[in-house]
Amino acid sequence: MSDNGRQMHLAVFAQGLGAAQSVWRSPRTEPGKVHTLEHWTKVAQVAEAGKLDAVFIADALNLSTSIGTDASERPDPIVILSALAAVTSRIGLIGTSSTTYGAPFTVARQFATLDHMSGGRAGWNIVTTAIGTAAGNFGSAELPAHADRYERGEEFVEVVTRLWDAWRDDAVVLDRESGVYADLGRIRQIDHQGKHFTVRGPLTIPRSPQGWPLLVQAGSSPAGMNLASQFADMVFTTQFDIEDSRAFVSQMHELASAKGRGPHAVAVMPGITPIIGRTKEEARELARELGELVRPEATLAFMQQMFGGVDFTVFDLDEPFPDVRGLMPAHASVSRPALFMAMAEEEGLTLRQVAQRIGLSTGHRSLVGTPDEIADDLVRWFEAGAADGFNLMPADLPRGLEDFVEAVVPRLQDRGVFRKEYTGSTLREHLGAPAPTPVQGGGTLMADAR
């Protein structure tokens, strides 16, 4: 165990065949199986064998224009996670669902049901949807502005959590002699009326094993950090520099404290793409092989979505990365484009070089080296307070995850910073995140509503 008793958290952020673009072309993958339960079961069971905290499934509400050359489709995370609940027993199951194009009642019921079916292993990754082309799939002409999305998102999460609290833990009585199944004095309509939503409630399912499924937030903009500090138990962020990440962690802890939560209530877990070899040369050769599969047009299409619709094909790939801030619309994501533009300026990168980095790891930090070198890096960040753990984004799945579990996890365990066995049965227990105390006031009791 580390000197102060902290334990590192690890989750696998699973994107189809892996984080690297065009990785379907690699002989390390089996693209014909990506939409089978066999593929997802393998990913989840490998992660569970490694004692990881969770499997974390990404989502997108539009088909990327890169689909012609990249396996960028996105199946429904809830369906996959529901199936994985039956073939795993301990690992957490985190799925992405949008507050921009979802309904609070539906999201609350889906994740509460998953929490029941999995025995308390569900988690909701809260996203506000930053891809403009998703709007047309939901009858909208354009994506709402960034600030508006987060305003709606905060109310959305408030409604969801109130729905999860609508049933008291002891609401189901099961008194066969008296014939009372549930006490109507312990179930409450939430009667929410807000700017964006009017929801009566209650939820159609009792309070789940964790009380609230674990809440995850992905985003590092000021609005995203404010949302995370109020609700999230885990933050998935993009960080490249250890000192910048330490500052981010410190700021998140301060924001959480200001919201009346403990300073360590939010686990900050940057994304990383580990590319592992028995030797440094072997790891670099694998990175080169995977990098050569990336097609610039696929990466530029992905970047166009990330930057709110900016067309990068009009720029020279081998010229310095262009300053596109004036071309980005109000609805564009803020944190990740700013990070990449700063990185390009500081390192003097060309558009092609930025595209290659983004293409290999979906824009997150990549670690290329031996198991010991990668373990050293993770421990260094962890012990410096630059991360509470990491979301693993293997370049290829499931092979890249197998490499990490077989070679890096034992080294982290030997150094005392990562568990050798699960000590809890729920996702909140894995993360050390106690369930919030339910709010019982407000709304109308079912006993009084008849």
Protein backbone atom coordinates (compact mmCIF):
# COMPACT_ATOMS: atom_id res chain seq x y z
CA MET A 1 0.00 0.00 0.00
CA SER A 2 1.19 3.55 -0.69
CA ASP A 3 2.67 5.55 2.20
CA ASN A 4 -0.58 7.39 2.94
CA GLY A 5 -2.85 4.40 2.38
CA ARG A 6 -4.23 5.61 -0.96
CA GLN A 7 -4.95 3.04 -3.62
CA MET A 8 -4.87 3.74 -7.35
CA HIS A 9 -8.09 3.39 -9.32
CA LEU A 10 -8.15 1.88 -12.81
CA ALA A 11 -10.97 1.57 -15.33
CA VAL A 12 -10.94 0.55 -18.97
CA PHE A 13 -12.55 3.06 -21.32
CA ALA A 14 -13.76 0.68 -24.00
CA GLN A 15 -14.34 1.96 -27.52
CA GLY A 16 -15.20 -0.88 -29.87
CA LEU A 17 -11.91 -2.31 -31.14
CA GLY A 18 -9.75 0.23 -29.31
CA ALA A 19 -8.80 3.90 -29.06
CA ALA A 20 -6.52 3.99 -32.11
CA GLN A 21 -8.22 5.03 -35.32
CA SER A 22 -8.30 2.43 -38.10
CA VAL A 23 -7.10 -0.19 -35.63
CA TRP A 24 -9.55 -2.60 -37.29
CA ARG A 25 -6.86 -3.03 -39.95
CA SER A 26 -4.43 -4.46 -37.39
CA PRO A 27 -4.04 -8.26 -37.20
CA ARG A 28 -4.24 -7.79 -33.42
CA THR A 29 -8.00 -7.15 -33.70
CA GLU A 30 -11.03 -9.14 -34.88
CA PRO A 31 -13.34 -6.53 -36.44
CA GLY A 32 -15.95 -9.14 -37.33
CA LYS A 33 -16.64 -9.66 -33.63
CA VAL A 34 -16.96 -6.06 -32.46
CA HIS A 35 -20.76 -6.23 -32.34
CA THR A 36 -20.94 -9.57 -30.57
CA LEU A 37 -21.36 -10.37 -26.90
CA GLU A 38 -18.23 -12.50 -27.22
CA HIS A 39 -16.09 -9.40 -27.84
CA TRP A 40 -17.52 -7.32 -25.00
CA THR A 41 -17.50 -10.26 -22.60
CA LYS A 42 -13.80 -10.78 -23.28
CA VAL A 43 -13.05 -7.11 -22.54
CA ALA A 44 -15.06 -7.14 -19.31
CA GLN A 45 -13.73 -10.45 -18.04
CA VAL A 46 -10.10 -9.49 -18.72
CA ALA A 47 -10.68 -6.23 -16.83
CA GLU A 48 -12.31 -8.11 -13.95
CA ALA A 49 -9.42 -10.58 -13.82
CA GLY A 50 -7.15 -7.56 -13.40
CA LYS A 51 -9.31 -6.29 -10.49
CA LEU A 52 -10.05 -3.03 -12.32
CA ASP A 53 -12.70 -0.75 -10.86
CA ALA A 54 -14.89 -0.61 -13.94
CA VAL A 55 -15.57 -1.10 -17.61
CA PHE A 56 -16.49 2.31 -19.01
CA ILE A 57 -18.32 2.36 -22.36
CA ALA A 58 -18.28 5.49 -24.50
CA ASP A 59 -21.12 6.68 -26.70
CA ALA A 60 -21.92 9.08 -29.52
CA LEU A 61 -25.32 10.07 -30.88
CA ASN A 62 -24.27 10.42 -34.49
CA LEU A 63 -22.44 8.32 -37.06
CA SER A 64 -19.04 9.85 -37.69
CA THR A 65 -18.13 10.84 -41.24
CA SER A 66 -14.95 8.78 -40.69
CA ILE A 67 -16.99 5.57 -40.91
CA GLY A 68 -15.74 5.01 -44.46
CA THR A 69 -12.25 4.19 -43.20
CA ASP A 70 -12.63 3.82 -39.43
CA ALA A 71 -14.72 1.51 -37.25
CA SER A 72 -16.34 4.43 -35.46
CA GLU A 73 -19.90 3.16 -34.94
CA ARG A 74 -21.35 3.30 -31.42
CA PRO A 75 -23.78 0.69 -30.05
CA ASP A 76 -26.05 1.47 -27.09
CA PRO A 77 -23.99 1.24 -23.86
CA ILE A 78 -26.95 0.32 -21.66
CA VAL A 79 -27.73 -2.76 -23.74
CA ILE A 80 -24.10 -3.93 -23.64
CA LEU A 81 -23.70 -3.27 -19.91
CA SER A 82 -26.93 -5.12 -19.14
CA ALA A 83 -25.53 -8.17 -20.92
CA LEU A 84 -22.17 -7.82 -19.16
CA ALA A 85 -23.91 -7.78 -15.77
CA ALA A 86 -24.75 -11.44 -16.37
CA VAL A 87 -21.21 -12.56 -17.29
CA THR A 88 -19.28 -10.66 -14.58
CA SER A 89 -19.67 -10.50 -10.82
CA ARG A 90 -17.54 -7.73 -9.32
CA ILE A 91 -16.39 -5.16 -11.86
CA GLY A 92 -18.24 -1.84 -12.18
CA LEU A 93 -20.30 -1.09 -15.30
CA ILE A 94 -20.23 2.57 -16.42
CA GLY A 95 -22.20 3.80 -19.41
CA THR A 96 -22.50 7.15 -21.18
CA SER A 97 -25.86 8.89 -21.54
CA SER A 98 -26.52 12.44 -22.75
CA THR A 99 -28.34 15.15 -20.81
CA THR A 100 -28.87 17.14 -24.02
CA TYR A 101 -30.92 14.52 -25.86
CA GLY A 102 -32.19 12.28 -23.08
CA ALA A 103 -35.07 12.41 -20.61
CA PRO A 104 -34.30 12.39 -16.87
CA PHE A 105 -36.98 9.81 -16.08
CA THR A 106 -35.66 7.40 -18.71
CA VAL A 107 -32.03 7.76 -17.63
CA ALA A 108 -32.91 7.41 -13.94
CA ARG A 109 -34.88 4.23 -14.60
CA GLN A 110 -32.27 2.68 -16.91
CA PHE A 111 -29.37 3.09 -14.51
CA ALA A 112 -31.40 2.17 -11.42
CA THR A 113 -32.46 -1.02 -13.19
CA LEU A 114 -28.86 -1.78 -14.19
CA ASP A 115 -27.80 -1.19 -10.59
CA HIS A 116 -30.37 -3.72 -9.36
CA MET A 117 -29.54 -6.29 -12.04
CA SER A 118 -25.79 -6.05 -11.39
CA GLY A 119 -25.95 -6.02 -7.60
CA GLY A 120 -24.80 -2.42 -7.24
CA ARG A 121 -22.21 -2.04 -10.00
CA ALA A 122 -23.75 0.64 -12.24
CA GLY A 123 -22.33 4.05 -13.09
CA TRP A 124 -23.61 6.89 -15.28
CA ASN A 125 -21.17 8.96 -17.32
CA ILE A 126 -22.84 12.37 -17.65
CA VAL A 127 -22.21 14.08 -20.98
CA THR A 128 -23.81 17.16 -22.49
CA THR A 129 -23.13 16.19 -26.16
CA ALA A 130 -20.67 18.46 -27.97
CA ILE A 131 -21.10 17.09 -31.51
CA GLY A 132 -23.25 19.35 -33.65
CA THR A 133 -24.36 16.68 -36.13
CA ALA A 134 -26.09 14.79 -33.33
CA ALA A 135 -28.76 17.52 -33.22
CA GLY A 136 -30.31 16.41 -36.49
CA ASN A 137 -30.98 12.95 -35.08
CA PHE A 138 -33.25 14.44 -32.44
CA GLY A 139 -35.24 16.94 -34.50
CA SER A 140 -33.04 19.95 -33.78
CA ALA A 141 -31.55 22.34 -36.29
CA GLU A 142 -28.39 22.92 -34.28
CA LEU A 143 -26.67 22.02 -31.03
CA PRO A 144 -27.41 24.34 -28.08
CA ALA A 145 -24.61 26.63 -26.93
CA HIS A 146 -22.06 25.26 -24.45
CA ALA A 147 -23.39 27.24 -21.46
CA ASP A 148 -27.00 26.28 -22.26
CA ARG A 149 -26.10 22.60 -22.46
CA TYR A 150 -24.53 22.70 -19.02
CA GLU A 151 -27.43 24.65 -17.51
CA ARG A 152 -29.79 21.96 -18.79
CA GLY A 153 -27.34 19.28 -17.67
CA GLU A 154 -27.29 20.48 -14.07
CA GLU A 155 -31.08 20.45 -13.84
CA PHE A 156 -31.14 17.06 -15.57
CA VAL A 157 -28.83 15.49 -12.95
CA GLU A 158 -30.79 17.11 -10.13
CA VAL A 159 -34.00 15.50 -11.41
CA VAL A 160 -32.36 12.10 -11.88
CA THR A 161 -30.93 12.04 -8.36
CA ARG A 162 -34.25 13.13 -6.85
CA LEU A 163 -35.95 10.29 -8.71
CA TRP A 164 -33.40 7.85 -7.28
CA ASP A 165 -34.27 9.15 -3.80
CA ALA A 166 -38.05 8.96 -4.35
CA TRP A 167 -38.23 5.53 -2.67
CA ARG A 168 -36.94 5.16 0.87
CA ASP A 169 -34.66 2.18 1.40
CA ASP A 170 -37.36 0.53 3.50
CA ALA A 171 -40.30 1.32 1.19
CA VAL A 172 -40.79 -2.30 0.09
CA VAL A 173 -42.40 -4.00 3.10
CA LEU A 174 -43.28 -7.47 1.73
CA ASP A 175 -45.77 -8.16 4.55
CA ARG A 176 -47.60 -11.23 3.24
CA GLU A 177 -49.90 -11.48 6.24
CA SER A 178 -51.28 -7.96 5.88
CA GLY A 179 -50.99 -7.91 2.10
CA VAL A 180 -48.83 -4.76 2.11
CA TYR A 181 -46.17 -4.88 -0.59
CA ALA A 182 -44.92 -1.28 -0.33
CA ASP A 183 -45.61 1.50 2.19
CA LEU A 184 -47.05 4.46 0.27
CA GLY A 185 -45.86 6.75 3.05
CA ARG A 186 -42.27 5.89 2.06
CA ILE A 187 -42.57 6.68 -1.66
CA ARG A 188 -42.64 10.27 -2.83
CA GLN A 189 -43.54 12.09 -6.04
CA ILE A 190 -40.79 14.62 -6.71
CA ASP A 191 -43.13 17.18 -8.38
CA HIS A 192 -40.22 18.90 -10.13
CA GLN A 193 -40.97 22.05 -12.12
CA GLY A 194 -37.91 23.75 -13.56
CA LYS A 195 -36.74 25.71 -16.57
CA HIS A 196 -36.08 22.64 -18.69
CA PHE A 197 -38.09 19.81 -17.12
CA THR A 198 -41.40 19.10 -15.44
CA VAL A 199 -41.32 15.65 -13.83
CA ARG A 200 -43.83 14.28 -11.35
CA GLY A 201 -42.34 10.90 -10.41
CA PRO A 202 -41.83 8.70 -8.53
CA LEU A 203 -39.56 6.24 -10.29
CA THR A 204 -41.12 2.90 -11.22
CA ILE A 205 -38.43 0.89 -9.40
CA PRO A 206 -37.23 0.97 -5.77
CA ARG A 207 -34.06 2.70 -4.63
CA SER A 208 -31.12 0.75 -6.00
CA PRO A 209 -28.36 -1.09 -4.10
CA GLN A 210 -25.93 1.85 -4.27
CA GLY A 211 -28.63 4.44 -3.54
CA TRP A 212 -27.33 6.38 -6.51
CA PRO A 213 -25.35 4.64 -9.23
CA LEU A 214 -21.85 6.09 -9.39
CA LEU A 215 -21.75 9.46 -11.20
CA VAL A 216 -18.98 10.19 -13.70
CA GLN A 217 -18.33 13.41 -15.60
CA ALA A 218 -16.07 13.78 -18.61
CA GLY A 219 -14.92 17.32 -19.30
CA SER A 220 -12.50 19.93 -18.04
CA SER A 221 -14.11 23.24 -18.97
CA PRO A 222 -15.15 25.56 -16.12
CA ALA A 223 -18.80 24.56 -16.61
CA GLY A 224 -17.86 20.88 -16.66
CA MET A 225 -15.76 21.18 -13.53
CA ASN A 226 -18.59 22.97 -11.74
CA LEU A 227 -21.01 20.15 -12.65
CA ALA A 228 -18.47 17.53 -11.55
CA SER A 229 -17.75 19.23 -8.23
CA GLN A 230 -21.45 19.22 -7.39
CA PHE A 231 -22.38 15.69 -8.44
CA ALA A 232 -19.57 13.50 -9.78
CA ASP A 233 -17.70 10.74 -7.97
CA MET A 234 -15.21 10.35 -10.83
CA VAL A 235 -13.88 12.80 -13.42
CA PHE A 236 -12.50 11.55 -16.73
CA THR A 237 -10.10 14.19 -18.04
CA THR A 238 -7.39 14.76 -20.64
CA GLN A 239 -4.03 15.67 -19.14
CA PHE A 240 -0.51 15.59 -20.61
CA ASP A 241 1.63 17.46 -18.09
CA ILE A 242 2.06 16.25 -14.51
CA GLU A 243 2.11 19.74 -13.01
CA ASP A 244 -0.95 20.84 -14.98
CA SER A 245 -2.73 17.71 -13.80
CA ARG A 246 -1.77 18.38 -10.17
CA ALA A 247 -3.27 21.84 -10.52
CA PHE A 248 -6.45 20.36 -12.02
CA VAL A 249 -6.78 17.86 -9.15
CA SER A 250 -6.23 20.63 -6.59
CA GLN A 251 -8.83 22.84 -8.22
CA MET A 252 -11.35 20.00 -8.37
CA HIS A 253 -10.83 19.26 -4.68
CA GLU A 254 -11.33 22.94 -3.84
CA LEU A 255 -14.53 23.12 -5.88
CA ALA A 256 -15.89 19.97 -4.23
CA SER A 257 -15.13 21.40 -0.78
CA ALA A 258 -16.90 24.64 -1.71
CA LYS A 259 -19.99 22.57 -2.55
CA GLY A 260 -19.97 21.09 0.94
CA ARG A 261 -18.43 17.79 -0.13
CA GLY A 262 -15.20 16.26 1.13
CA PRO A 263 -12.07 17.53 -0.66
CA HIS A 264 -11.40 14.00 -1.99
CA ALA A 265 -15.00 13.24 -2.92
CA VAL A 266 -14.15 13.30 -6.63
CA ALA A 267 -11.61 10.85 -8.07
CA VAL A 268 -9.70 12.47 -10.94
CA MET A 269 -8.76 9.85 -13.55
CA PRO A 270 -6.99 11.06 -16.73
CA GLY A 271 -7.16 8.94 -19.85
CA ILE A 272 -4.01 7.11 -20.99
CA THR A 273 -3.20 4.81 -23.91
CA PRO A 274 -0.53 2.28 -22.89
CA ILE A 275 1.41 0.65 -25.72
CA ILE A 276 3.47 -2.13 -24.18
CA GLY A 277 6.44 -4.16 -25.34
CA ARG A 278 8.90 -6.49 -23.65
CA THR A 279 11.56 -3.96 -24.60
CA LYS A 280 11.42 -0.25 -25.37
CA GLU A 281 12.20 -1.03 -29.00
CA GLU A 282 9.36 -3.53 -29.22
CA ALA A 283 6.91 -1.02 -27.76
CA ARG A 284 8.03 1.67 -30.20
CA GLU A 285 7.66 -0.73 -33.11
CA LEU A 286 4.09 -1.55 -32.05
CA ALA A 287 3.31 2.19 -31.76
CA ARG A 288 4.75 2.73 -35.23
CA GLU A 289 2.69 -0.14 -36.68
CA LEU A 290 -0.53 1.12 -35.16
CA GLY A 291 0.25 4.74 -36.05
CA GLU A 292 0.79 3.88 -39.70
CA LEU A 293 -2.76 2.50 -39.88
CA VAL A 294 -4.26 5.90 -39.08
CA ARG A 295 -5.58 7.64 -42.20
CA PRO A 296 -5.31 11.45 -42.06
CA GLU A 297 -8.80 11.90 -43.52
CA ALA A 298 -10.34 9.80 -40.74
CA THR A 299 -8.51 11.75 -38.06
CA LEU A 300 -9.42 15.10 -39.59
CA ALA A 301 -13.09 14.06 -39.65
CA PHE A 302 -12.86 13.17 -35.96
CA MET A 303 -11.17 16.50 -35.25
CA GLN A 304 -13.89 18.33 -37.18
CA GLN A 305 -16.46 16.95 -34.73
CA MET A 306 -14.27 17.75 -31.72
CA PHE A 307 -13.73 21.36 -32.83
CA GLY A 308 -17.41 22.04 -33.50
CA GLY A 309 -17.39 21.62 -37.28
CA VAL A 310 -14.08 23.23 -38.28
CA ASP A 311 -13.01 21.83 -41.66
CA PHE A 312 -9.32 20.93 -41.29
CA THR A 313 -9.05 19.62 -44.85
CA VAL A 314 -8.54 23.19 -46.11
CA PHE A 315 -5.23 23.44 -44.26
CA ASP A 316 -1.83 22.03 -45.24
CA LEU A 317 -1.05 18.95 -43.17
CA ASP A 318 2.62 19.84 -42.93
CA GLU A 319 2.19 23.47 -41.90
CA PRO A 320 1.99 24.55 -38.24
CA PHE A 321 -1.29 23.70 -36.56
CA PRO A 322 -3.73 26.50 -37.45
CA ASP A 323 -5.30 28.84 -34.92
CA VAL A 324 -8.99 27.98 -35.44
CA ARG A 325 -10.47 29.68 -32.39
CA GLY A 326 -12.26 32.23 -34.57
CA LEU A 327 -13.82 29.44 -36.63
CA MET A 328 -15.36 27.52 -33.73
CA PRO A 329 -19.10 28.04 -33.05
CA ALA A 330 -20.57 28.74 -29.62
CA HIS A 331 -21.78 25.16 -29.23
CA ALA A 332 -18.27 23.66 -29.61
CA SER A 333 -16.57 21.78 -26.81
CA VAL A 334 -14.12 23.99 -24.91
CA SER A 335 -11.55 22.04 -22.90
CA ARG A 336 -10.09 19.52 -25.34
CA PRO A 337 -9.68 21.85 -28.35
CA ALA A 338 -7.94 24.37 -26.08
CA LEU A 339 -5.63 21.65 -24.80
CA PHE A 340 -4.59 20.56 -28.30
CA MET A 341 -4.08 24.09 -29.55
CA ALA A 342 -1.87 24.85 -26.54
CA MET A 343 0.07 21.61 -27.07
CA ALA A 344 0.63 22.41 -30.76
CA GLU A 345 1.83 25.92 -29.96
CA GLU A 346 4.18 24.86 -27.16
CA GLU A 347 5.76 22.00 -29.14
CA GLY A 348 5.62 23.59 -32.60
CA LEU A 349 3.55 20.74 -34.04
CA THR A 350 2.15 20.55 -37.56
CA LEU A 351 -1.44 19.64 -38.32
CA ARG A 352 -0.28 16.16 -39.36
CA GLN A 353 1.59 15.63 -36.08
CA VAL A 354 -1.40 16.70 -33.99
CA ALA A 355 -3.65 14.43 -36.05
CA GLN A 356 -1.34 11.45 -35.49
CA ARG A 357 -1.35 11.97 -31.74
CA ILE A 358 -5.11 12.28 -31.64
CA GLY A 359 -5.55 9.30 -33.95
CA LEU A 360 -3.51 6.90 -31.82
CA SER A 361 -5.14 7.66 -28.47
CA THR A 362 -8.29 9.69 -29.20
CA GLY A 363 -6.31 12.70 -28.08
CA HIS A 364 -5.23 11.39 -24.67
CA ARG A 365 -1.71 10.79 -23.36
CA SER A 366 -0.01 7.74 -24.80
CA LEU A 367 2.64 5.77 -22.90
CA VAL A 368 5.01 3.70 -25.02
CA GLY A 369 7.39 1.43 -23.14
CA THR A 370 8.05 -1.68 -21.10
CA PRO A 371 5.74 -2.78 -18.28
CA ASP A 372 8.17 -1.36 -15.71
CA GLU A 373 8.41 1.98 -17.52
CA ILE A 374 4.64 2.32 -17.73
CA ALA A 375 4.17 1.29 -14.09
CA ASP A 376 6.86 3.83 -13.09
CA ASP A 377 5.01 6.60 -14.92
CA LEU A 378 1.63 5.79 -13.39
CA VAL A 379 3.05 5.57 -9.88
CA ARG A 380 4.90 8.86 -10.36
CA TRP A 381 1.69 10.69 -11.32
CA PHE A 382 -0.30 8.97 -8.59
CA GLU A 383 2.18 9.68 -5.78
CA ALA A 384 2.61 13.28 -6.96
CA GLY A 385 -1.13 13.87 -6.54
CA ALA A 386 -1.59 14.40 -10.27
CA ALA A 387 -4.19 11.61 -10.52
CA ASP A 388 -6.29 9.39 -8.29
CA GLY A 389 -6.11 6.73 -10.98
CA PHE A 390 -6.41 6.32 -14.71
CA ASN A 391 -8.92 5.45 -17.40
CA LEU A 392 -7.10 3.00 -19.64
CA MET A 393 -7.74 3.51 -23.33
CA PRO A 394 -5.97 0.58 -25.01
CA ALA A 395 -5.08 1.27 -28.63
CA ASP A 396 -6.54 -2.11 -29.54
CA LEU A 397 -9.06 -4.33 -27.76
CA PRO A 398 -9.01 -6.78 -26.17
CA ARG A 399 -5.30 -7.45 -26.85
CA GLY A 400 -4.00 -4.13 -25.52
CA LEU A 401 -5.99 -4.58 -22.31
CA GLU A 402 -4.67 -8.13 -21.90
CA ASP A 403 -1.11 -6.79 -22.22
CA PHE A 404 -1.77 -4.26 -19.46
CA VAL A 405 -3.50 -6.69 -17.10
CA GLU A 406 -0.87 -9.40 -17.57
CA ALA A 407 2.23 -7.21 -17.39
CA VAL A 408 1.54 -3.85 -15.71
CA VAL A 409 -1.10 -4.66 -13.08
CA PRO A 410 1.16 -7.16 -11.21
CA ARG A 411 3.87 -4.50 -11.00
CA LEU A 412 1.40 -1.98 -9.54
CA GLN A 413 0.23 -4.63 -7.07
CA ASP A 414 3.81 -5.45 -6.05
CA ARG A 415 4.40 -1.75 -5.36
CA GLY A 416 1.38 -1.67 -3.05
CA VAL A 417 -0.61 0.94 -4.97
CA PHE A 418 -3.29 -1.31 -6.50
CA ARG A 419 -5.53 -4.01 -5.05
CA LYS A 420 -4.76 -7.71 -5.42
CA GLU A 421 -8.37 -8.67 -4.69
CA TYR A 422 -11.68 -6.86 -4.62
CA THR A 423 -12.60 -5.89 -1.07
CA GLY A 424 -16.12 -4.68 -1.89
CA SER A 425 -18.96 -5.81 -4.11
CA THR A 426 -20.28 -2.49 -5.44
CA LEU A 427 -18.73 0.11 -7.72
CA ARG A 428 -18.99 2.74 -4.99
CA GLU A 429 -17.05 0.45 -2.65
CA HIS A 430 -14.35 -0.05 -5.29
CA LEU A 431 -13.97 3.72 -5.64
CA GLY A 432 -14.43 4.52 -1.95
CA ALA A 433 -17.43 6.71 -2.78
CA PRO A 434 -20.23 6.45 -0.18
CA ALA A 435 -23.79 6.86 -1.40
CA PRO A 436 -25.20 10.34 -0.76
CA THR A 437 -27.73 10.64 2.04
CA PRO A 438 -31.16 10.60 0.39
CA VAL A 439 -33.12 13.84 0.39
CA GLN A 440 -36.57 12.98 1.73
CA GLY A 441 -38.22 16.40 1.71
CA GLY A 442 -40.22 18.01 -1.11
CA GLY A 443 -42.85 16.54 -3.35
CA THR A 444 -45.95 14.58 -2.41
CA LEU A 445 -46.09 11.28 -0.59
CA MET A 446 -47.92 8.56 -2.53
CA ALA A 447 -50.08 8.04 0.54
CA ASP A 448 -51.34 11.62 0.24
CA ALA A 449 -51.66 11.62 -3.56
CA ARG A 450 -54.43 9.03 -3.77
